[in-house]
Amino acid sequence: MKEIKYRECSIGKNIFTIKLIYKPSGGLSYNPVVKVYVMKQHAKPATFLEKLLEIPKFFIDSGEWDPLLLNSSLEEYCVYKCRSHVNREDRINRAKIEWGRI
């Protein structure tokens, strides 16, 4: 049976909601893994309809933390996923600024 938890992650001025889904036998050799969804900050869904529309509406990035494949902790992995999105956005903004200078 999968379990779901929500966490907030702050990177600079950016705040993300992270949805963690524990899958007891979803990984390599059927070991437990955690599916990580990084989303825009929002309140935890209260109704079934909100749960269905949550990921398409707020989705930014996703990944899977597998303790057999990764040396980092689950918390470090979540921060890494958020930081990679912030870095990607910074590079896009820098390209727009450079384009405007030409």
PDB file of N, CA and C in Angstrom:
ATOM      1  N   MET A   1       0.837  -1.172   0.000  1.00  0.00           N
ATOM      2  CA  MET A   1       0.000   0.000   0.000  1.00  0.00           C
ATOM      3  C   MET A   1       0.883   1.237   0.000  1.00  0.00           C
ATOM      4  N   LYS A   2       0.620   2.157  -0.938  1.00  0.00           N
ATOM      5  CA  LYS A   2       1.454   3.346  -0.998  1.00  0.00           C
ATOM      6  C   LYS A   2       0.967   4.408  -0.020  1.00  0.00           C
ATOM      7  N   GLU A   3       1.919   5.165   0.490  1.00  0.00           N
ATOM      8  CA  GLU A   3       1.635   6.234   1.429  1.00  0.00           C
ATOM      9  C   GLU A   3       2.057   7.551   0.796  1.00  0.00           C
ATOM     10  N   ILE A   4       1.351   8.637   1.117  1.00  0.00           N
ATOM     11  CA  ILE A   4       1.623   9.950   0.537  1.00  0.00           C
ATOM     12  C   ILE A   4       1.895  10.950   1.657  1.00  0.00           C
ATOM     13  N   LYS A   5       2.961  11.740   1.472  1.00  0.00           N
ATOM     14  CA  LYS A   5       3.292  12.829   2.395  1.00  0.00           C
ATOM     15  C   LYS A   5       3.609  14.074   1.576  1.00  0.00           C
ATOM     16  N   TYR A   6       3.421  15.230   2.195  1.00  0.00           N
ATOM     17  CA  TYR A   6       3.734  16.511   1.575  1.00  0.00           C
ATOM     18  C   TYR A   6       4.772  17.239   2.408  1.00  0.00           C
ATOM     19  N   ARG A   7       5.682  17.921   1.724  1.00  0.00           N
ATOM     20  CA  ARG A   7       6.703  18.732   2.383  1.00  0.00           C
ATOM     21  C   ARG A   7       6.831  20.045   1.618  1.00  0.00           C
ATOM     22  N   GLU A   8       7.307  21.065   2.321  1.00  0.00           N
ATOM     23  CA  GLU A   8       7.624  22.344   1.708  1.00  0.00           C
ATOM     24  C   GLU A   8       9.140  22.438   1.594  1.00  0.00           C
ATOM     25  N   CYS A   9       9.618  23.019   0.501  1.00  0.00           N
ATOM     26  CA  CYS A   9      11.057  23.207   0.309  1.00  0.00           C
ATOM     27  C   CYS A   9      11.276  24.629  -0.182  1.00  0.00           C
ATOM     28  N   SER A  10      12.179  25.339   0.475  1.00  0.00           N
ATOM     29  CA  SER A  10      12.471  26.718   0.119  1.00  0.00           C
ATOM     30  C   SER A  10      13.893  26.814  -0.408  1.00  0.00           C
ATOM     31  N   ILE A  11      14.022  27.330  -1.637  1.00  0.00           N
ATOM     32  CA  ILE A  11      15.332  27.572  -2.249  1.00  0.00           C
ATOM     33  C   ILE A  11      15.370  29.046  -2.618  1.00  0.00           C
ATOM     34  N   GLY A  12      16.082  29.833  -1.828  1.00  0.00           N
ATOM     35  CA  GLY A  12      16.101  31.283  -2.051  1.00  0.00           C
ATOM     36  C   GLY A  12      14.703  31.844  -1.843  1.00  0.00           C
ATOM     37  N   LYS A  13      14.216  32.585  -2.850  1.00  0.00           N
ATOM     38  CA  LYS A  13      12.869  33.155  -2.760  1.00  0.00           C
ATOM     39  C   LYS A  13      11.805  32.205  -3.284  1.00  0.00           C
ATOM     40  N   ASN A  14      12.200  31.055  -3.795  1.00  0.00           N
ATOM     41  CA  ASN A  14      11.263  30.077  -4.352  1.00  0.00           C
ATOM     42  C   ASN A  14      10.830  29.081  -3.287  1.00  0.00           C
ATOM     43  N   ILE A  15       9.526  28.814  -3.232  1.00  0.00           N
ATOM     44  CA  ILE A  15       8.986  27.827  -2.303  1.00  0.00           C
ATOM     45  C   ILE A  15       8.235  26.780  -3.122  1.00  0.00           C
ATOM     46  N   PHE A  16       8.545  25.525  -2.861  1.00  0.00           N
ATOM     47  CA  PHE A  16       7.950  24.416  -3.593  1.00  0.00           C
ATOM     48  C   PHE A  16       7.187  23.505  -2.645  1.00  0.00           C
ATOM     49  N   THR A  17       6.171  22.849  -3.178  1.00  0.00           N
ATOM     50  CA  THR A  17       5.487  21.775  -2.469  1.00  0.00           C
ATOM     51  C   THR A  17       6.002  20.476  -3.061  1.00  0.00           C
ATOM     52  N   ILE A  18       6.431  19.574  -2.210  1.00  0.00           N
ATOM     53  CA  ILE A  18       6.937  18.284  -2.670  1.00  0.00           C
ATOM     54  C   ILE A  18       5.973  17.199  -2.223  1.00  0.00           C
ATOM     55  N   LYS A  19       5.518  16.417  -3.183  1.00  0.00           N
ATOM     56  CA  LYS A  19       4.638  15.291  -2.887  1.00  0.00           C
ATOM     57  C   LYS A  19       5.488  14.029  -2.930  1.00  0.00           C
ATOM     58  N   LEU A  20       5.508  13.295  -1.833  1.00  0.00           N
ATOM     59  CA  LEU A  20       6.297  12.069  -1.724  1.00  0.00           C
ATOM     60  C   LEU A  20       5.348  10.880  -1.662  1.00  0.00           C
ATOM     61  N   ILE A  21       5.565   9.923  -2.550  1.00  0.00           N
ATOM     62  CA  ILE A  21       4.746   8.717  -2.572  1.00  0.00           C
ATOM     63  C   ILE A  21       5.661   7.523  -2.316  1.00  0.00           C
ATOM     64  N   TYR A  22       5.436   6.860  -1.190  1.00  0.00           N
ATOM     65  CA  TYR A  22       6.230   5.678  -0.814  1.00  0.00           C
ATOM     66  C   TYR A  22       5.622   4.450  -1.478  1.00  0.00           C
ATOM     67  N   LYS A  23       6.459   3.751  -2.245  1.00  0.00           N
ATOM     68  CA  LYS A  23       6.026   2.515  -2.895  1.00  0.00           C
ATOM     69  C   LYS A  23       6.831   1.369  -2.290  1.00  0.00           C
ATOM     70  N   PRO A  24       6.200   0.472  -1.550  1.00  0.00           N
ATOM     71  CA  PRO A  24       6.934  -0.574  -0.841  1.00  0.00           C
ATOM     72  C   PRO A  24       7.676  -1.551  -1.741  1.00  0.00           C
ATOM     73  N   SER A  25       7.249  -1.720  -2.976  1.00  0.00           N
ATOM     74  CA  SER A  25       7.951  -2.670  -3.853  1.00  0.00           C
ATOM     75  C   SER A  25       8.040  -2.128  -5.271  1.00  0.00           C
ATOM     76  N   GLY A  26       8.488  -0.881  -5.409  1.00  0.00           N
ATOM     77  CA  GLY A  26       8.507  -0.278  -6.733  1.00  0.00           C
ATOM     78  C   GLY A  26       9.868  -0.181  -7.376  1.00  0.00           C
ATOM     79  N   GLY A  27      10.929  -0.556  -6.690  1.00  0.00           N
ATOM     80  CA  GLY A  27      12.262  -0.328  -7.213  1.00  0.00           C
ATOM     81  C   GLY A  27      12.958  -1.575  -7.719  1.00  0.00           C
ATOM     82  N   LEU A  28      14.253  -1.426  -7.876  1.00  0.00           N
ATOM     83  CA  LEU A  28      15.118  -2.502  -8.312  1.00  0.00           C
ATOM     84  C   LEU A  28      14.984  -3.669  -7.349  1.00  0.00           C
ATOM     85  N   SER A  29      14.793  -4.859  -7.853  1.00  0.00           N
ATOM     86  CA  SER A  29      14.603  -6.062  -7.029  1.00  0.00           C
ATOM     87  C   SER A  29      13.434  -5.908  -6.059  1.00  0.00           C
ATOM     88  N   TYR A  30      12.454  -5.134  -6.452  1.00  0.00           N
ATOM     89  CA  TYR A  30      11.234  -4.925  -5.665  1.00  0.00           C
ATOM     90  C   TYR A  30      11.501  -4.317  -4.297  1.00  0.00           C
ATOM     91  N   ASN A  31      12.525  -3.490  -4.204  1.00  0.00           N
ATOM     92  CA  ASN A  31      12.794  -2.795  -2.947  1.00  0.00           C
ATOM     93  C   ASN A  31      11.948  -1.525  -2.876  1.00  0.00           C
ATOM     94  N   PRO A  32      11.772  -0.970  -1.694  1.00  0.00           N
ATOM     95  CA  PRO A  32      10.972   0.253  -1.543  1.00  0.00           C
ATOM     96  C   PRO A  32      11.650   1.453  -2.202  1.00  0.00           C
ATOM     97  N   VAL A  33      10.844   2.306  -2.843  1.00  0.00           N
ATOM     98  CA  VAL A  33      11.310   3.561  -3.434  1.00  0.00           C
ATOM     99  C   VAL A  33      10.320   4.655  -3.060  1.00  0.00           C
ATOM    100  N   VAL A  34      10.745   5.899  -3.293  1.00  0.00           N
ATOM    101  CA  VAL A  34       9.876   7.042  -3.053  1.00  0.00           C
ATOM    102  C   VAL A  34       9.809   7.858  -4.340  1.00  0.00           C
ATOM    103  N   LYS A  35       8.613   8.042  -4.855  1.00  0.00           N
ATOM    104  CA  LYS A  35       8.381   8.881  -6.025  1.00  0.00           C
ATOM    105  C   LYS A  35       8.280  10.318  -5.527  1.00  0.00           C
ATOM    106  N   VAL A  36       9.036  11.229  -6.149  1.00  0.00           N
ATOM    107  CA  VAL A  36       9.108  12.621  -5.713  1.00  0.00           C
ATOM    108  C   VAL A  36       8.540  13.522  -6.811  1.00  0.00           C
ATOM    109  N   TYR A  37       7.516  14.286  -6.477  1.00  0.00           N
ATOM    110  CA  TYR A  37       6.945  15.273  -7.389  1.00  0.00           C
ATOM    111  C   TYR A  37       7.223  16.657  -6.834  1.00  0.00           C
ATOM    112  N   VAL A  38       7.924  17.488  -7.605  1.00  0.00           N
ATOM    113  CA  VAL A  38       8.164  18.876  -7.230  1.00  0.00           C
ATOM    114  C   VAL A  38       7.093  19.705  -7.928  1.00  0.00           C
ATOM    115  N   MET A  39       6.374  20.502  -7.127  1.00  0.00           N
ATOM    116  CA  MET A  39       5.269  21.293  -7.661  1.00  0.00           C
ATOM    117  C   MET A  39       5.337  22.719  -7.141  1.00  0.00           C
ATOM    118  N   LYS A  40       4.612  23.607  -7.807  1.00  0.00           N
ATOM    119  CA  LYS A  40       4.470  24.965  -7.306  1.00  0.00           C
ATOM    120  C   LYS A  40       3.807  24.894  -5.933  1.00  0.00           C
ATOM    121  N   GLN A  41       4.100  25.889  -5.114  1.00  0.00           N
ATOM    122  CA  GLN A  41       3.549  25.876  -3.760  1.00  0.00           C
ATOM    123  C   GLN A  41       2.020  25.931  -3.814  1.00  0.00           C
ATOM    124  N   HIS A  42       1.389  25.049  -3.067  1.00  0.00           N
ATOM    125  CA  HIS A  42      -0.067  25.013  -2.956  1.00  0.00           C
ATOM    126  C   HIS A  42      -0.462  24.251  -1.698  1.00  0.00           C
ATOM    127  N   ALA A  43      -1.714  24.390  -1.325  1.00  0.00           N
ATOM    128  CA  ALA A  43      -2.222  23.683  -0.147  1.00  0.00           C
ATOM    129  C   ALA A  43      -2.454  22.218  -0.484  1.00  0.00           C
ATOM    130  N   LYS A  44      -2.380  21.390   0.527  1.00  0.00           N
ATOM    131  CA  LYS A  44      -2.633  19.957   0.361  1.00  0.00           C
ATOM    132  C   LYS A  44      -4.067  19.759  -0.143  1.00  0.00           C
ATOM    133  N   PRO A  45      -4.267  18.908  -1.166  1.00  0.00           N
ATOM    134  CA  PRO A  45      -5.616  18.707  -1.696  1.00  0.00           C
ATOM    135  C   PRO A  45      -6.547  18.079  -0.661  1.00  0.00           C
ATOM    136  N   ALA A  46      -7.777  18.587  -0.628  1.00  0.00           N
ATOM    137  CA  ALA A  46      -8.738  18.115   0.366  1.00  0.00           C
ATOM    138  C   ALA A  46      -9.760  17.141  -0.223  1.00  0.00           C
ATOM    139  N   THR A  47     -10.083  17.295  -1.496  1.00  0.00           N
ATOM    140  CA  THR A  47     -11.104  16.449  -2.105  1.00  0.00           C
ATOM    141  C   THR A  47     -10.469  15.529  -3.138  1.00  0.00           C
ATOM    142  N   PHE A  48     -11.227  14.527  -3.556  1.00  0.00           N
ATOM    143  CA  PHE A  48     -10.739  13.592  -4.560  1.00  0.00           C
ATOM    144  C   PHE A  48     -10.471  14.296  -5.888  1.00  0.00           C
ATOM    145  N   LEU A  49     -11.328  15.243  -6.273  1.00  0.00           N
ATOM    146  CA  LEU A  49     -11.144  15.985  -7.520  1.00  0.00           C
ATOM    147  C   LEU A  49      -9.857  16.812  -7.473  1.00  0.00           C
ATOM    148  N   GLU A  50      -9.590  17.445  -6.346  1.00  0.00           N
ATOM    149  CA  GLU A  50      -8.345  18.206  -6.197  1.00  0.00           C
ATOM    150  C   GLU A  50      -7.130  17.296  -6.316  1.00  0.00           C
ATOM    151  N   LYS A  51      -7.222  16.093  -5.780  1.00  0.00           N
ATOM    152  CA  LYS A  51      -6.118  15.129  -5.890  1.00  0.00           C
ATOM    153  C   LYS A  51      -5.877  14.735  -7.342  1.00  0.00           C
ATOM    154  N   LEU A  52      -6.941  14.567  -8.105  1.00  0.00           N
ATOM    155  CA  LEU A  52      -6.803  14.204  -9.517  1.00  0.00           C
ATOM    156  C   LEU A  52      -6.173  15.326 -10.338  1.00  0.00           C
ATOM    157  N   LEU A  53      -6.522  16.559 -10.042  1.00  0.00           N
ATOM    158  CA  LEU A  53      -6.055  17.705 -10.816  1.00  0.00           C
ATOM    159  C   LEU A  53      -4.758  18.306 -10.294  1.00  0.00           C
ATOM    160  N   GLU A  54      -4.282  17.823  -9.171  1.00  0.00           N
ATOM    161  CA  GLU A  54      -3.120  18.423  -8.512  1.00  0.00           C
ATOM    162  C   GLU A  54      -1.854  18.371  -9.369  1.00  0.00           C
ATOM    163  N   ILE A  55      -1.465  17.207  -9.817  1.00  0.00           N
ATOM    164  CA  ILE A  55      -0.197  17.084 -10.540  1.00  0.00           C
ATOM    165  C   ILE A  55      -0.229  17.823 -11.882  1.00  0.00           C
ATOM    166  N   PRO A  56      -1.268  17.668 -12.714  1.00  0.00           N
ATOM    167  CA  PRO A  56      -1.261  18.431 -13.976  1.00  0.00           C
ATOM    168  C   PRO A  56      -1.260  19.949 -13.772  1.00  0.00           C
ATOM    169  N   LYS A  57      -1.869  20.418 -12.709  1.00  0.00           N
ATOM    170  CA  LYS A  57      -2.006  21.854 -12.480  1.00  0.00           C
ATOM    171  C   LYS A  57      -0.728  22.486 -11.930  1.00  0.00           C
ATOM    172  N   PHE A  58      -0.031  21.814 -11.033  1.00  0.00           N
ATOM    173  CA  PHE A  58       1.107  22.407 -10.324  1.00  0.00           C
ATOM    174  C   PHE A  58       2.458  21.781 -10.669  1.00  0.00           C
ATOM    175  N   PHE A  59       2.508  20.765 -11.499  1.00  0.00           N
ATOM    176  CA  PHE A  59       3.716  19.965 -11.756  1.00  0.00           C
ATOM    177  C   PHE A  59       4.884  20.796 -12.281  1.00  0.00           C
ATOM    178  N   ILE A  60       6.079  20.542 -11.741  1.00  0.00           N
ATOM    179  CA  ILE A  60       7.323  21.134 -12.225  1.00  0.00           C
ATOM    180  C   ILE A  60       8.301  20.042 -12.644  1.00  0.00           C
ATOM    181  N   ASP A  61       8.560  19.086 -11.762  1.00  0.00           N
ATOM    182  CA  ASP A  61       9.561  18.047 -12.031  1.00  0.00           C
ATOM    183  C   ASP A  61       9.232  16.818 -11.188  1.00  0.00           C
ATOM    184  N   SER A  62       9.784  15.687 -11.590  1.00  0.00           N
ATOM    185  CA  SER A  62       9.579  14.471 -10.797  1.00  0.00           C
ATOM    186  C   SER A  62      10.828  13.605 -10.860  1.00  0.00           C
ATOM    187  N   GLY A  63      10.896  12.666  -9.970  1.00  0.00           N
ATOM    188  CA  GLY A  63      12.005  11.727  -9.928  1.00  0.00           C
ATOM    189  C   GLY A  63      11.678  10.611  -8.961  1.00  0.00           C
ATOM    190  N   GLU A  64      12.587   9.651  -8.886  1.00  0.00           N
ATOM    191  CA  GLU A  64      12.371   8.519  -8.004  1.00  0.00           C
ATOM    192  C   GLU A  64      13.622   8.314  -7.166  1.00  0.00           C
ATOM    193  N   TRP A  65      13.458   8.333  -5.861  1.00  0.00           N
ATOM    194  CA  TRP A  65      14.571   8.113  -4.948  1.00  0.00           C
ATOM    195  C   TRP A  65      14.615   6.631  -4.596  1.00  0.00           C
ATOM    196  N   ASP A  66      15.693   5.994  -4.996  1.00  0.00           N
ATOM    197  CA  ASP A  66      15.894   4.570  -4.734  1.00  0.00           C
ATOM    198  C   ASP A  66      17.121   4.426  -3.842  1.00  0.00           C
ATOM    199  N   PRO A  67      16.968   3.940  -2.612  1.00  0.00           N
ATOM    200  CA  PRO A  67      18.105   3.860  -1.691  1.00  0.00           C
ATOM    201  C   PRO A  67      19.219   2.925  -2.168  1.00  0.00           C
ATOM    202  N   LEU A  68      18.919   1.991  -3.060  1.00  0.00           N
ATOM    203  CA  LEU A  68      19.968   1.108  -3.578  1.00  0.00           C
ATOM    204  C   LEU A  68      20.810   1.776  -4.661  1.00  0.00           C
ATOM    205  N   LEU A  69      20.251   2.772  -5.339  1.00  0.00           N
ATOM    206  CA  LEU A  69      20.958   3.415  -6.438  1.00  0.00           C
ATOM    207  C   LEU A  69      21.578   4.754  -6.067  1.00  0.00           C
ATOM    208  N   LEU A  70      21.042   5.420  -5.056  1.00  0.00           N
ATOM    209  CA  LEU A  70      21.516   6.754  -4.683  1.00  0.00           C
ATOM    210  C   LEU A  70      22.117   6.745  -3.286  1.00  0.00           C
ATOM    211  N   ASN A  71      23.230   7.455  -3.127  1.00  0.00           N
ATOM    212  CA  ASN A  71      23.869   7.567  -1.817  1.00  0.00           C
ATOM    213  C   ASN A  71      23.282   8.689  -0.983  1.00  0.00           C
ATOM    214  N   SER A  72      22.586   9.615  -1.616  1.00  0.00           N
ATOM    215  CA  SER A  72      22.028  10.756  -0.888  1.00  0.00           C
ATOM    216  C   SER A  72      20.781  10.344  -0.108  1.00  0.00           C
ATOM    217  N   SER A  73      20.461  11.151   0.908  1.00  0.00           N
ATOM    218  CA  SER A  73      19.240  10.906   1.675  1.00  0.00           C
ATOM    219  C   SER A  73      18.046  11.404   0.863  1.00  0.00           C
ATOM    220  N   LEU A  74      16.869  11.033   1.301  1.00  0.00           N
ATOM    221  CA  LEU A  74      15.651  11.472   0.623  1.00  0.00           C
ATOM    222  C   LEU A  74      15.529  12.990   0.676  1.00  0.00           C
ATOM    223  N   GLU A  75      15.854  13.579   1.807  1.00  0.00           N
ATOM    224  CA  GLU A  75      15.779  15.037   1.940  1.00  0.00           C
ATOM    225  C   GLU A  75      16.762  15.728   1.001  1.00  0.00           C
ATOM    226  N   GLU A  76      17.982  15.206   0.910  1.00  0.00           N
ATOM    227  CA  GLU A  76      18.980  15.776  -0.006  1.00  0.00           C
ATOM    228  C   GLU A  76      18.512  15.662  -1.457  1.00  0.00           C
ATOM    229  N   TYR A  77      17.883  14.558  -1.796  1.00  0.00           N
ATOM    230  CA  TYR A  77      17.378  14.359  -3.156  1.00  0.00           C
ATOM    231  C   TYR A  77      16.277  15.374  -3.480  1.00  0.00           C
ATOM    232  N   CYS A  78      15.389  15.632  -2.532  1.00  0.00           N
ATOM    233  CA  CYS A  78      14.317  16.613  -2.744  1.00  0.00           C
ATOM    234  C   CYS A  78      14.896  18.011  -2.955  1.00  0.00           C
ATOM    235  N   VAL A  79      15.872  18.386  -2.138  1.00  0.00           N
ATOM    236  CA  VAL A  79      16.515  19.694  -2.284  1.00  0.00           C
ATOM    237  C   VAL A  79      17.227  19.774  -3.629  1.00  0.00           C
ATOM    238  N   TYR A  80      17.882  18.695  -4.044  1.00  0.00           N
ATOM    239  CA  TYR A  80      18.558  18.648  -5.337  1.00  0.00           C
ATOM    240  C   TYR A  80      17.573  18.894  -6.485  1.00  0.00           C
ATOM    241  N   LYS A  81      16.403  18.233  -6.446  1.00  0.00           N
ATOM    242  CA  LYS A  81      15.400  18.404  -7.502  1.00  0.00           C
ATOM    243  C   LYS A  81      14.899  19.850  -7.553  1.00  0.00           C
ATOM    244  N   CYS A  82      14.698  20.465  -6.390  1.00  0.00           N
ATOM    245  CA  CYS A  82      14.254  21.863  -6.351  1.00  0.00           C
ATOM    246  C   CYS A  82      15.341  22.802  -6.866  1.00  0.00           C
ATOM    247  N   ARG A  83      16.579  22.563  -6.425  1.00  0.00           N
ATOM    248  CA  ARG A  83      17.698  23.400  -6.879  1.00  0.00           C
ATOM    249  C   ARG A  83      17.907  23.293  -8.391  1.00  0.00           C
ATOM    250  N   SER A  84      17.752  22.107  -8.938  1.00  0.00           N
ATOM    251  CA  SER A  84      17.950  21.956 -10.383  1.00  0.00           C
ATOM    252  C   SER A  84      16.900  22.748 -11.155  1.00  0.00           C
ATOM    253  N   HIS A  85      15.677  22.820 -10.637  1.00  0.00           N
ATOM    254  CA  HIS A  85      14.654  23.635 -11.300  1.00  0.00           C
ATOM    255  C   HIS A  85      15.001  25.118 -11.205  1.00  0.00           C
ATOM    256  N   VAL A  86      15.427  25.576 -10.019  1.00  0.00           N
ATOM    257  CA  VAL A  86      15.796  26.981  -9.845  1.00  0.00           C
ATOM    258  C   VAL A  86      16.959  27.333 -10.756  1.00  0.00           C
ATOM    259  N   ASN A  87      17.968  26.473 -10.846  1.00  0.00           N
ATOM    260  CA  ASN A  87      19.114  26.726 -11.720  1.00  0.00           C
ATOM    261  C   ASN A  87      18.699  26.788 -13.184  1.00  0.00           C
ATOM    262  N   ARG A  88      17.796  25.904 -13.592  1.00  0.00           N
ATOM    263  CA  ARG A  88      17.306  25.896 -14.967  1.00  0.00           C
ATOM    264  C   ARG A  88      16.571  27.207 -15.283  1.00  0.00           C
ATOM    265  N   GLU A  89      15.742  27.671 -14.360  1.00  0.00           N
ATOM    266  CA  GLU A  89      15.021  28.928 -14.547  1.00  0.00           C
ATOM    267  C   GLU A  89      15.989  30.110 -14.606  1.00  0.00           C
ATOM    268  N   ASP A  90      17.043  30.088 -13.775  1.00  0.00           N
ATOM    269  CA  ASP A  90      18.044  31.159 -13.800  1.00  0.00           C
ATOM    270  C   ASP A  90      18.766  31.212 -15.137  1.00  0.00           C
ATOM    271  N   ARG A  91      19.098  30.056 -15.689  1.00  0.00           N
ATOM    272  CA  ARG A  91      19.765  30.027 -16.995  1.00  0.00           C
ATOM    273  C   ARG A  91      18.849  30.546 -18.095  1.00  0.00           C
ATOM    274  N   ILE A  92      17.568  30.211 -18.028  1.00  0.00           N
ATOM    275  CA  ILE A  92      16.613  30.706 -19.033  1.00  0.00           C
ATOM    276  C   ILE A  92      16.495  32.223 -18.923  1.00  0.00           C
ATOM    277  N   ASN A  93      16.391  32.743 -17.701  1.00  0.00           N
ATOM    278  CA  ASN A  93      16.301  34.191 -17.509  1.00  0.00           C
ATOM    279  C   ASN A  93      17.564  34.893 -17.975  1.00  0.00           C
ATOM    280  N   ARG A  94      18.720  34.288 -17.725  1.00  0.00           N
ATOM    281  CA  ARG A  94      19.985  34.878 -18.171  1.00  0.00           C
ATOM    282  C   ARG A  94      20.039  34.923 -19.688  1.00  0.00           C
ATOM    283  N   ALA A  95      19.519  33.903 -20.358  1.00  0.00           N
ATOM    284  CA  ALA A  95      19.493  33.909 -21.822  1.00  0.00           C
ATOM    285  C   ALA A  95      18.593  35.012 -22.341  1.00  0.00           C
ATOM    286  N   LYS A  96      17.468  35.244 -21.696  1.00  0.00           N
ATOM    287  CA  LYS A  96      16.566  36.325 -22.116  1.00  0.00           C
ATOM    288  C   LYS A  96      17.226  37.690 -21.933  1.00  0.00           C
ATOM    289  N   ILE A  97      17.958  37.868 -20.829  1.00  0.00           N
ATOM    290  CA  ILE A  97      18.651  39.136 -20.575  1.00  0.00           C
ATOM    291  C   ILE A  97      19.733  39.362 -21.624  1.00  0.00           C
ATOM    292  N   GLU A  98      20.531  38.313 -21.884  1.00  0.00           N
ATOM    293  CA  GLU A  98      21.588  38.429 -22.889  1.00  0.00           C
ATOM    294  C   GLU A  98      21.010  38.726 -24.272  1.00  0.00           C
ATOM    295  N   TRP A  99      19.894  38.101 -24.593  1.00  0.00           N
ATOM    296  CA  TRP A  99      19.252  38.336 -25.885  1.00  0.00           C
ATOM    297  C   TRP A  99      18.783  39.793 -26.003  1.00  0.00           C
ATOM    298  N   GLY A 100      18.294  40.330 -24.898  1.00  0.00           N
ATOM    299  CA  GLY A 100      17.834  41.712 -24.896  1.00  0.00           C
ATOM    300  C   GLY A 100      18.961  42.726 -25.032  1.00  0.00           C
ATOM    301  N   ARG A 101      20.170  42.367 -24.647  1.00  0.00           N
ATOM    302  CA  ARG A 101      21.321  43.258 -24.742  1.00  0.00           C
ATOM    303  C   ARG A 101      21.826  43.389 -26.176  1.00  0.00           C
ATOM    304  N   ILE A 102      21.549  42.424 -27.003  1.00  0.00           N
ATOM    305  CA  ILE A 102      22.081  42.444 -28.376  1.00  0.00           C
ATOM    306  C   ILE A 102      21.236  43.373 -29.234  1.00  0.00           C
TER     307      ILE A 102
END
